[in-house]
Amino acid sequence: MAKAIALDEQIGGSHYKDFTIQPLEFIEGNKLSFIEGNIVKYVCRYHNTKKPLDLEKIKHYADLLKELAQREDIKAIQDNWSKQDKVTVDHDGVLQ
């Protein structure tokens, strides 16, 4: 008898297992971050549950991802200031 693998089992339902590609396989296969992975997970979950709370969680994780990206942009600008005499940023916050 073949040993079962963890992806063959789901605790508390089958809402992920029923997908052609499980969210975890997609997330790991594409090397997504924790936050990006949670967005994928809740999009997949919403597909089956239709619960507004899942949409709120998607939005929350997207907001977190955006805030972290903006922090990284600011850090890159600050790091560049120490390396250059003059740094400009356009109206979209893009380093020039």
Protein backbone atom coordinates (compact mmCIF):
# COMPACT_ATOMS: atom_id res chain seq x y z
CA MET A 1 0.00 0.00 0.00
CA ALA A 2 1.40 3.41 -1.01
CA LYS A 3 2.00 5.95 1.72
CA ALA A 4 -0.34 8.94 1.57
CA ILE A 5 1.26 12.34 1.04
CA ALA A 6 0.19 15.46 2.92
CA LEU A 7 -1.24 17.10 -0.23
CA ASP A 8 -3.69 14.20 -0.53
CA GLU A 9 -5.22 15.11 2.83
CA GLN A 10 -7.04 18.25 3.86
CA ILE A 11 -8.22 18.98 7.36
CA GLY A 12 -11.65 20.63 7.51
CA GLY A 13 -13.09 20.23 4.04
CA SER A 14 -11.98 19.81 0.45
CA HIS A 15 -12.10 23.40 -0.83
CA TYR A 16 -8.38 23.38 -1.78
CA LYS A 17 -8.00 19.71 -2.66
CA ASP A 18 -10.71 19.92 -5.34
CA PHE A 19 -8.69 22.36 -7.49
CA THR A 20 -6.73 20.99 -10.45
CA ILE A 21 -3.65 22.63 -8.91
CA GLN A 22 -3.82 23.14 -5.18
CA PRO A 23 -3.04 26.68 -4.00
CA LEU A 24 0.00 25.40 -2.10
CA GLU A 25 1.43 23.81 -5.24
CA PHE A 26 0.93 27.06 -7.17
CA ILE A 27 2.38 29.20 -4.37
CA GLU A 28 5.46 27.00 -3.88
CA GLY A 29 5.96 26.41 -7.59
CA ASN A 30 6.03 30.13 -8.27
CA LYS A 31 8.06 31.00 -5.15
CA LEU A 32 5.47 33.49 -3.93
CA SER A 33 5.98 35.29 -0.64
CA PHE A 34 3.88 34.56 2.44
CA ILE A 35 1.62 37.55 1.73
CA GLU A 36 1.26 36.77 -1.98
CA GLY A 37 0.49 33.16 -1.08
CA ASN A 38 -2.26 34.23 1.30
CA ILE A 39 -3.84 36.31 -1.46
CA VAL A 40 -3.87 33.24 -3.74
CA LYS A 41 -5.21 31.06 -0.92
CA TYR A 42 -8.11 33.39 -0.12
CA VAL A 43 -8.99 33.92 -3.80
CA CYS A 44 -9.24 30.14 -4.15
CA ARG A 45 -11.20 29.85 -0.94
CA TYR A 46 -13.63 32.58 -1.99
CA HIS A 47 -14.22 30.72 -5.26
CA ASN A 48 -15.96 28.03 -3.20
CA THR A 49 -17.25 29.82 -0.09
CA LYS A 50 -18.47 33.13 -1.56
CA LYS A 51 -17.93 34.57 1.95
CA PRO A 52 -17.35 38.35 2.01
CA LEU A 53 -14.83 37.82 4.82
CA ASP A 54 -12.54 36.07 2.34
CA LEU A 55 -12.70 39.17 0.11
CA GLU A 56 -11.80 41.34 3.11
CA LYS A 57 -8.80 39.10 3.80
CA ILE A 58 -7.69 39.38 0.14
CA LYS A 59 -7.90 43.17 0.37
CA HIS A 60 -6.06 43.23 3.71
CA TYR A 61 -3.17 41.14 2.37
CA ALA A 62 -3.03 43.24 -0.82
CA ASP A 63 -2.86 46.40 1.33
CA LEU A 64 -0.04 44.86 3.39
CA LEU A 65 1.84 43.92 0.22
CA LYS A 66 1.46 47.45 -1.14
CA GLU A 67 2.67 49.04 2.09
CA LEU A 68 5.71 46.77 2.24
CA ALA A 69 6.54 47.52 -1.40
CA GLN A 70 6.33 51.25 -0.69
CA ARG A 71 8.68 50.84 2.30
CA GLU A 72 11.16 49.00 0.07
CA ASP A 73 10.93 51.82 -2.51
CA ILE A 74 11.64 54.40 0.19
CA LYS A 75 14.59 52.36 1.48
CA ALA A 76 15.99 52.10 -2.05
CA ILE A 77 15.72 55.87 -2.43
CA GLN A 78 17.42 56.46 0.92
CA ASP A 79 20.19 54.00 0.07
CA ASN A 80 20.70 55.76 -3.24
CA TRP A 81 20.97 59.17 -1.57
CA SER A 82 24.07 58.02 0.20
CA LYS A 83 25.59 56.83 -3.10
CA GLN A 84 24.73 59.79 -5.36
CA ASP A 85 25.06 63.55 -5.27
CA LYS A 86 21.60 64.10 -6.71
CA VAL A 87 18.52 61.88 -6.65
CA THR A 88 15.17 62.79 -8.15
CA VAL A 89 11.82 61.09 -7.78
CA ASP A 90 9.00 61.55 -10.28
CA HIS A 91 5.36 62.20 -9.28
CA ASP A 92 4.72 58.42 -9.05
CA GLY A 93 7.54 57.98 -6.57
CA VAL A 94 9.83 56.35 -9.13
CA LEU A 95 13.54 56.90 -8.65
CA GLN A 96 15.13 58.77 -11.58
